[in-house]
N, C-alpha and C. Protein backbone atom coordinates (compact mmCIF):
# COMPACT_ATOMS: atom_id res chain seq x y z
N UNK A 1 -13.41 -13.91 -22.70
CA UNK A 1 -12.38 -13.15 -21.54
C UNK A 1 -11.28 -14.33 -21.76
N UNK A 2 -10.48 -14.03 -21.08
CA UNK A 2 -9.23 -15.03 -21.71
C UNK A 2 -9.34 -16.41 -20.58
N UNK A 3 -8.45 -17.35 -21.08
CA UNK A 3 -7.73 -18.36 -19.90
C UNK A 3 -7.26 -18.12 -18.89
N UNK A 4 -6.10 -17.37 -19.62
CA UNK A 4 -4.92 -17.42 -18.70
C UNK A 4 -4.04 -15.94 -19.28
N UNK A 5 -3.35 -15.61 -17.99
CA UNK A 5 -2.28 -14.55 -18.57
C UNK A 5 -1.02 -14.86 -18.27
N UNK A 6 0.05 -14.25 -18.86
CA UNK A 6 1.71 -15.00 -18.62
C UNK A 6 2.24 -13.80 -17.69
N UNK A 7 3.21 -14.09 -16.56
CA UNK A 7 3.89 -12.98 -15.69
C UNK A 7 4.18 -12.17 -16.74
N UNK A 8 5.28 -12.22 -17.72
CA UNK A 8 5.35 -10.89 -18.65
C UNK A 8 4.26 -9.75 -18.76
N UNK A 9 2.66 -10.47 -19.68
CA UNK A 9 1.65 -9.67 -19.74
C UNK A 9 1.45 -9.01 -18.71
N UNK A 10 1.35 -9.27 -17.44
CA UNK A 10 0.75 -8.98 -15.92
C UNK A 10 1.94 -8.02 -15.55
N UNK A 11 3.01 -8.18 -15.67
CA UNK A 11 4.20 -6.76 -15.38
C UNK A 11 3.83 -5.99 -16.42
N UNK A 12 3.64 -6.43 -17.15
CA UNK A 12 3.69 -4.95 -18.37
C UNK A 12 2.18 -3.93 -17.94
N UNK A 13 1.04 -4.67 -18.17
CA UNK A 13 0.12 -4.29 -17.68
C UNK A 13 -0.18 -3.21 -16.16
N UNK A 14 0.21 -4.02 -14.90
CA UNK A 14 0.22 -3.37 -13.92
C UNK A 14 1.46 -2.77 -13.74
N UNK A 15 2.89 -2.35 -14.64
CA UNK A 15 3.83 -1.69 -13.87
C UNK A 15 4.47 -2.23 -13.16
N UNK A 16 4.64 -3.32 -12.95
CA UNK A 16 5.73 -3.84 -11.67
C UNK A 16 6.19 -5.04 -12.05
N UNK A 17 7.38 -5.22 -11.08
CA UNK A 17 8.29 -6.38 -11.82
C UNK A 17 8.01 -8.11 -11.52
N UNK A 18 8.24 -8.54 -11.88
CA UNK A 18 8.13 -10.29 -12.14
C UNK A 18 8.29 -10.47 -10.44
N UNK A 19 9.39 -10.00 -9.95
CA UNK A 19 9.60 -10.28 -8.61
C UNK A 19 8.54 -9.64 -7.49
N UNK A 20 8.19 -9.07 -7.84
CA UNK A 20 6.63 -8.10 -7.41
C UNK A 20 5.51 -9.38 -7.17
N UNK A 21 5.11 -9.98 -8.23
CA UNK A 21 4.14 -10.76 -8.61
C UNK A 21 4.95 -12.25 -7.82
N UNK A 22 5.80 -12.13 -7.92
CA UNK A 22 6.42 -13.64 -7.10
C UNK A 22 6.74 -13.45 -5.76
N UNK A 23 6.35 -12.33 -5.40
CA UNK A 23 6.22 -12.00 -4.13
C UNK A 23 4.96 -12.27 -3.45
N UNK A 24 4.05 -11.62 -4.17
CA UNK A 24 2.48 -11.97 -4.00
C UNK A 24 2.52 -13.56 -3.85
N UNK A 25 3.25 -14.06 -4.53
CA UNK A 25 2.72 -15.83 -4.91
C UNK A 25 3.39 -16.23 -3.70
N UNK A 26 4.45 -16.02 -3.29
CA UNK A 26 5.22 -16.46 -2.05
C UNK A 26 4.09 -16.81 -0.80
N UNK A 27 3.59 -15.08 -0.76
CA UNK A 27 2.58 -14.80 0.28
C UNK A 27 1.38 -15.45 -0.07
N UNK A 28 1.25 -16.00 -1.17
CA UNK A 28 0.28 -16.81 -1.08
C UNK A 28 -1.13 -15.97 -1.47
N UNK A 29 -1.03 -14.91 -2.10
CA UNK A 29 -2.08 -13.84 -2.01
C UNK A 29 -2.81 -14.42 -3.72
N UNK A 30 -1.79 -14.92 -4.41
CA UNK A 30 -2.40 -15.38 -5.68
C UNK A 30 -1.37 -16.58 -5.94
N UNK A 31 -2.30 -17.43 -6.81
CA UNK A 31 -2.09 -18.80 -6.81
C UNK A 31 -2.08 -19.06 -8.33
N UNK A 32 -1.25 -19.06 -9.05
CA UNK A 32 -1.08 -19.19 -10.50
C UNK A 32 -1.09 -20.85 -10.59
N UNK A 33 -1.16 -21.02 -12.37
CA UNK A 33 -1.26 -22.64 -12.17
C UNK A 33 -0.10 -22.94 -12.57
N UNK A 34 0.74 -23.64 -12.41
CA UNK A 34 1.89 -24.22 -12.91
C UNK A 34 2.06 -24.69 -14.23
N UNK A 35 3.09 -24.96 -15.28
CA UNK A 35 3.02 -26.07 -16.39
C UNK A 35 4.47 -26.02 -16.56
N UNK A 36 4.83 -26.96 -15.83
CA UNK A 36 6.65 -26.89 -16.06
C UNK A 36 6.62 -25.44 -14.85
N UNK A 37 8.11 -24.49 -15.66
CA UNK A 37 7.93 -23.81 -14.79
C UNK A 37 7.06 -22.35 -15.22
N UNK A 38 6.55 -22.21 -16.02
CA UNK A 38 5.85 -21.28 -16.61
C UNK A 38 4.45 -21.12 -15.59
N UNK A 39 4.84 -20.09 -15.20
CA UNK A 39 3.34 -19.70 -14.44
C UNK A 39 2.12 -18.84 -15.21
N UNK A 40 1.10 -19.21 -14.84
CA UNK A 40 -0.22 -19.25 -15.68
C UNK A 40 -1.23 -18.82 -14.99
N UNK A 41 -1.39 -17.31 -15.15
CA UNK A 41 -2.30 -16.54 -13.89
C UNK A 41 -4.27 -16.68 -14.62
N UNK A 42 -4.77 -17.03 -14.02
CA UNK A 42 -6.24 -17.51 -14.76
C UNK A 42 -6.65 -15.51 -14.42
N UNK A 43 -7.53 -15.49 -14.88
CA UNK A 43 -8.84 -13.92 -14.96
C UNK A 43 -8.54 -13.78 -13.27
N UNK A 44 -8.71 -14.79 -12.12
CA UNK A 44 -9.30 -14.50 -11.18
C UNK A 44 -7.89 -14.10 -10.21
N UNK A 45 -6.96 -14.71 -10.64
CA UNK A 45 -5.54 -14.08 -10.52
C UNK A 45 -5.14 -12.34 -10.81
N UNK A 46 -5.18 -12.44 -11.89
CA UNK A 46 -5.31 -10.77 -12.24
C UNK A 46 -5.91 -9.97 -11.50
N UNK A 47 -7.35 -10.44 -11.04
CA UNK A 47 -8.33 -9.52 -10.54
C UNK A 47 -7.42 -9.24 -8.77
N UNK A 48 -7.33 -10.22 -8.49
CA UNK A 48 -6.52 -10.66 -7.16
C UNK A 48 -5.36 -9.27 -7.08
N UNK A 49 -4.63 -9.77 -8.18
CA UNK A 49 -3.66 -8.55 -8.13
C UNK A 49 -3.61 -7.45 -8.19
N UNK A 50 -4.72 -6.78 -8.68
CA UNK A 50 -5.17 -5.75 -9.15
C UNK A 50 -5.95 -4.78 -7.81
N UNK A 51 -6.02 -6.14 -6.78
CA UNK A 51 -6.98 -5.06 -5.57
C UNK A 51 -5.77 -5.54 -4.73
N UNK A 52 -4.67 -6.22 -4.82
CA UNK A 52 -3.53 -6.40 -4.03
C UNK A 52 -2.83 -4.82 -4.38
N UNK A 53 -2.41 -4.47 -5.48
CA UNK A 53 -1.65 -3.46 -5.96
C UNK A 53 -2.73 -1.87 -5.74
N UNK A 54 -3.82 -1.95 -5.37
CA UNK A 54 -4.51 -0.59 -5.03
C UNK A 54 -4.42 -0.82 -3.09
N UNK A 55 -4.57 -1.88 -2.84
CA UNK A 55 -4.43 -1.94 -1.39
C UNK A 55 -3.34 -1.61 -1.15
N UNK A 56 -1.85 -1.84 -2.05
CA UNK A 56 -0.68 -0.97 -1.05
C UNK A 56 -0.51 0.05 -1.68
N UNK A 57 -1.36 0.46 -2.56
CA UNK A 57 -0.95 2.47 -2.61
C UNK A 57 -1.97 3.35 -2.02
N UNK A 58 -3.05 2.41 -1.05
CA UNK A 58 -3.90 2.79 0.05
C UNK A 58 -3.06 2.59 1.53
N UNK A 59 -2.18 2.20 1.11
CA UNK A 59 -0.79 1.67 2.73
C UNK A 59 -1.06 0.80 3.26
N UNK A 60 -1.81 -0.03 2.63
CA UNK A 60 -2.07 -1.48 3.45
C UNK A 60 -1.18 -2.34 3.46
N UNK A 61 -1.29 -3.18 4.60
CA UNK A 61 0.07 -4.10 4.92
C UNK A 61 -0.10 -5.26 3.68
N UNK A 62 0.56 -6.32 3.76
CA UNK A 62 0.12 -7.41 3.08
C UNK A 62 -0.74 -8.57 4.19
N UNK A 63 -0.78 -8.06 5.63
CA UNK A 63 -1.23 -8.79 6.30
C UNK A 63 -2.58 -8.32 6.36
N UNK A 64 -2.77 -7.30 6.09
CA UNK A 64 -4.12 -6.18 5.66
C UNK A 64 -4.99 -6.79 5.02
N UNK A 65 -4.21 -6.61 3.61
CA UNK A 65 -4.78 -7.35 2.31
C UNK A 65 -4.66 -9.03 2.28
N UNK A 66 -4.45 -9.69 3.20
CA UNK A 66 -4.83 -11.06 3.05
C UNK A 66 -6.05 -10.88 3.42
N UNK A 67 -6.02 -10.42 5.18
CA UNK A 67 -7.35 -10.58 5.73
C UNK A 67 -8.33 -10.22 4.82
N UNK A 68 -8.47 -9.42 3.98
CA UNK A 68 -9.32 -8.41 3.22
C UNK A 68 -9.31 -9.74 2.31
N UNK A 69 -9.27 -10.13 1.73
CA UNK A 69 -9.06 -11.04 0.33
C UNK A 69 -9.40 -12.38 1.05
N UNK A 70 -8.94 -12.81 2.43
CA UNK A 70 -9.92 -13.64 2.82
C UNK A 70 -11.08 -13.62 3.16
N UNK A 71 -11.78 -12.27 3.70
CA UNK A 71 -13.02 -12.03 4.01
C UNK A 71 -13.93 -12.52 2.80
N UNK A 72 -13.67 -12.33 1.66
CA UNK A 72 -14.03 -11.90 0.32
C UNK A 72 -14.70 -13.57 0.45
N UNK A 73 -13.43 -14.45 0.68
CA UNK A 73 -13.98 -15.91 0.32
C UNK A 73 -14.91 -16.41 1.65
N UNK A 74 -15.12 -15.84 2.54
CA UNK A 74 -16.11 -16.09 3.79
C UNK A 74 -17.64 -16.18 3.13
N UNK A 75 -18.14 -16.71 3.94
CA UNK A 75 -19.55 -16.37 3.91
C UNK A 75 -20.13 -15.23 3.60
N UNK A 76 -20.06 -14.35 4.26
CA UNK A 76 -20.14 -12.84 4.18
C UNK A 76 -19.76 -12.53 2.62
N UNK A 77 -18.51 -12.80 1.86
CA UNK A 77 -18.60 -12.64 0.57
C UNK A 77 -18.20 -11.45 0.08
N UNK A 78 -18.64 -10.35 -0.84
CA UNK A 78 -18.22 -9.89 -1.14
C UNK A 78 -18.81 -8.63 -0.36
N UNK A 79 -19.85 -8.78 0.27
CA UNK A 79 -20.55 -7.40 1.64
C UNK A 79 -19.87 -7.46 2.90
N UNK A 80 -19.14 -8.61 3.14
CA UNK A 80 -18.11 -8.50 4.26
C UNK A 80 -16.85 -7.82 3.56
N UNK A 81 -16.33 -8.08 2.44
CA UNK A 81 -14.92 -7.51 2.16
C UNK A 81 -15.57 -6.28 2.63
N UNK A 82 -16.57 -5.79 1.38
CA UNK A 82 -16.92 -4.14 1.44
C UNK A 82 -16.34 -3.62 2.81
N UNK A 83 -17.21 -4.21 3.62
CA UNK A 83 -17.57 -3.82 5.25
C UNK A 83 -16.25 -3.22 5.77
N UNK A 84 -15.22 -4.46 5.59
CA UNK A 84 -14.32 -4.41 6.21
C UNK A 84 -12.99 -3.80 5.64
N UNK A 85 -13.46 -3.37 4.33
CA UNK A 85 -12.47 -2.49 3.57
C UNK A 85 -12.95 -1.27 3.66
N UNK A 86 -14.40 -0.74 4.22
CA UNK A 86 -14.85 0.41 4.73
C UNK A 86 -13.67 0.40 6.19
N UNK A 87 -14.13 -0.29 6.61
CA UNK A 87 -13.04 -0.11 8.53
C UNK A 87 -11.57 0.40 7.88
N UNK A 88 -11.03 -0.28 7.24
CA UNK A 88 -9.91 -0.40 7.32
C UNK A 88 -9.21 1.02 6.90
N UNK A 89 -9.90 1.39 5.22
CA UNK A 89 -9.77 2.46 4.79
C UNK A 89 -9.76 4.04 5.81
N UNK A 90 -11.13 3.76 6.87
CA UNK A 90 -11.15 4.64 8.00
C UNK A 90 -9.97 4.75 8.87
N UNK A 91 -9.26 3.36 9.61
CA UNK A 91 -8.01 3.03 10.02
C UNK A 91 -7.36 4.07 9.51
N UNK A 92 -6.84 3.79 8.18
CA UNK A 92 -6.02 4.56 7.76
C UNK A 92 -5.98 6.07 7.38
N UNK A 93 -7.21 6.24 7.15
CA UNK A 93 -7.05 8.13 7.47
C UNK A 93 -6.95 8.68 8.42
N UNK A 94 -7.64 7.93 9.72
CA UNK A 94 -6.97 8.18 10.94
C UNK A 94 -5.53 8.58 11.58
N UNK A 95 -4.90 7.11 10.51
CA UNK A 95 -3.37 7.20 10.88
C UNK A 95 -2.63 8.38 10.27
N UNK A 96 -3.20 8.57 8.83
CA UNK A 96 -2.69 9.47 7.86
C UNK A 96 -3.20 11.11 8.76
N UNK A 97 -4.66 11.59 9.31
CA UNK A 97 -4.46 12.78 9.93
C UNK A 97 -3.61 12.65 10.90
N UNK A 98 -3.05 11.70 11.72
CA UNK A 98 -2.18 11.89 12.73
C UNK A 98 -0.78 12.05 12.58
N UNK A 99 -0.37 11.56 10.83
CA UNK A 99 1.06 11.60 10.79
C UNK A 99 0.96 13.19 10.24
N UNK A 100 -0.05 13.63 9.79
CA UNK A 100 -0.47 15.10 9.03
C UNK A 100 0.05 16.21 10.02
N UNK A 101 -0.39 15.92 11.15
CA UNK A 101 -0.89 16.63 12.52
C UNK A 101 0.83 16.83 13.07
N UNK A 102 1.38 15.43 13.37
CA UNK A 102 2.78 15.30 13.74
C UNK A 102 3.54 16.09 13.23
N UNK A 103 3.74 16.11 11.55
CA UNK A 103 4.12 16.81 10.39
C UNK A 103 3.99 18.35 11.11
N UNK A 104 2.57 18.41 11.15
CA UNK A 104 2.44 20.40 10.89
C UNK A 104 3.57 20.63 12.24
N UNK A 105 3.13 19.41 13.38
CA UNK A 105 3.75 20.06 14.21
C UNK A 105 5.17 20.31 14.83
N UNK A 106 5.79 19.37 13.95
CA UNK A 106 7.19 19.63 13.51
C UNK A 106 7.85 20.49 12.46
N UNK A 107 6.80 20.75 11.78
CA UNK A 107 7.20 22.26 10.99
C UNK A 107 7.62 23.00 11.81
N UNK A 108 6.21 23.51 12.50
CA UNK A 108 5.74 24.33 13.41
C UNK A 108 7.39 24.84 14.61
N UNK A 109 7.75 23.33 14.99
CA UNK A 109 8.78 23.32 15.62
C UNK A 109 10.30 23.94 15.10
N UNK A 110 10.45 23.37 14.04
CA UNK A 110 11.31 23.54 13.11
C UNK A 110 11.51 25.06 12.44
N UNK A 111 10.06 25.73 12.54
CA UNK A 111 10.41 27.39 12.37
C UNK A 111 10.72 27.95 13.24
N UNK A 112 10.40 27.58 14.68
CA UNK A 112 10.70 28.45 15.87
C UNK A 112 12.39 28.02 16.06
N UNK A 113 12.74 26.44 16.05
CA UNK A 113 14.14 26.55 15.72
C UNK A 113 14.77 27.37 14.99
N UNK A 114 14.53 27.94 13.79
CA UNK A 114 14.50 28.39 12.89
C UNK A 114 14.99 29.85 13.28
N UNK A 115 14.20 30.58 13.82
CA UNK A 115 13.85 31.74 14.05
C UNK A 115 14.59 31.89 15.32
N UNK A 116 14.41 31.38 16.45
CA UNK A 116 15.66 31.62 17.42
C UNK A 116 16.86 31.25 16.73
N UNK A 117 17.54 30.69 15.95
CA UNK A 117 18.77 30.58 15.81
C UNK A 117 19.22 32.14 14.46
N UNK A 118 18.06 32.40 14.21
CA UNK A 118 18.55 33.62 13.32
C UNK A 118 18.31 34.70 14.48
N UNK A 119 18.22 34.95 15.19
CA UNK A 119 17.71 36.04 16.38
C UNK A 119 18.82 36.11 17.10
N UNK A 120 19.64 34.93 17.22
CA UNK A 120 20.87 34.08 18.34
C UNK A 120 21.83 35.49 17.06
N UNK A 121 22.09 34.88 15.97
CA UNK A 121 23.22 35.37 15.09
C UNK A 121 22.68 36.96 15.08
N UNK A 122 21.90 37.29 14.88
CA UNK A 122 21.49 38.80 14.93
C UNK A 122 22.49 39.53 15.91
N UNK A 123 21.61 38.53 17.62
CA UNK A 123 22.56 39.16 18.35
C UNK A 123 24.07 39.25 18.77
N UNK A 124 24.83 38.01 18.20
CA UNK A 124 25.78 38.05 18.29
C UNK A 124 26.84 38.71 17.59
N UNK A 125 26.07 39.31 16.15
CA UNK A 125 26.49 40.07 15.45
C UNK A 125 26.70 41.84 15.67
N UNK A 126 25.68 42.29 16.50
CA UNK A 126 25.50 43.21 17.29
C UNK A 126 26.50 43.52 18.54
N UNK A 127 26.76 42.35 19.44
CA UNK A 127 28.07 42.19 20.46
C UNK A 127 29.52 42.23 19.86
N UNK A 128 29.37 42.49 18.74
CA UNK A 128 30.93 42.07 18.43
C UNK A 128 31.49 43.70 17.93
């Protein structure tokens, strides 16, 4: 296992910008070692970055990701983190299901509005 990774190596591996990694550093989600102006990332930082990016893909906010990471560091450790992750996934799933329902409702409303417009155009053409 490697001792350190550079920011360039991580940007290439995870297809993110250096700005993204620096943002997570500013948010104190990852804490690389500094050697002068150079950031050196430990394997644990790399793993955290991987988890952060997974959380973002799942739609979690920075605050939610921070909470999950902090639970991992707590005495309940990985078990607590997994339970919290399941809870957060279920919440996100409910939010997405509601959004899906809202989109379906909006699509039906749009279909009805379009149908009414088409019918009205047909009436206007007949009356001329």
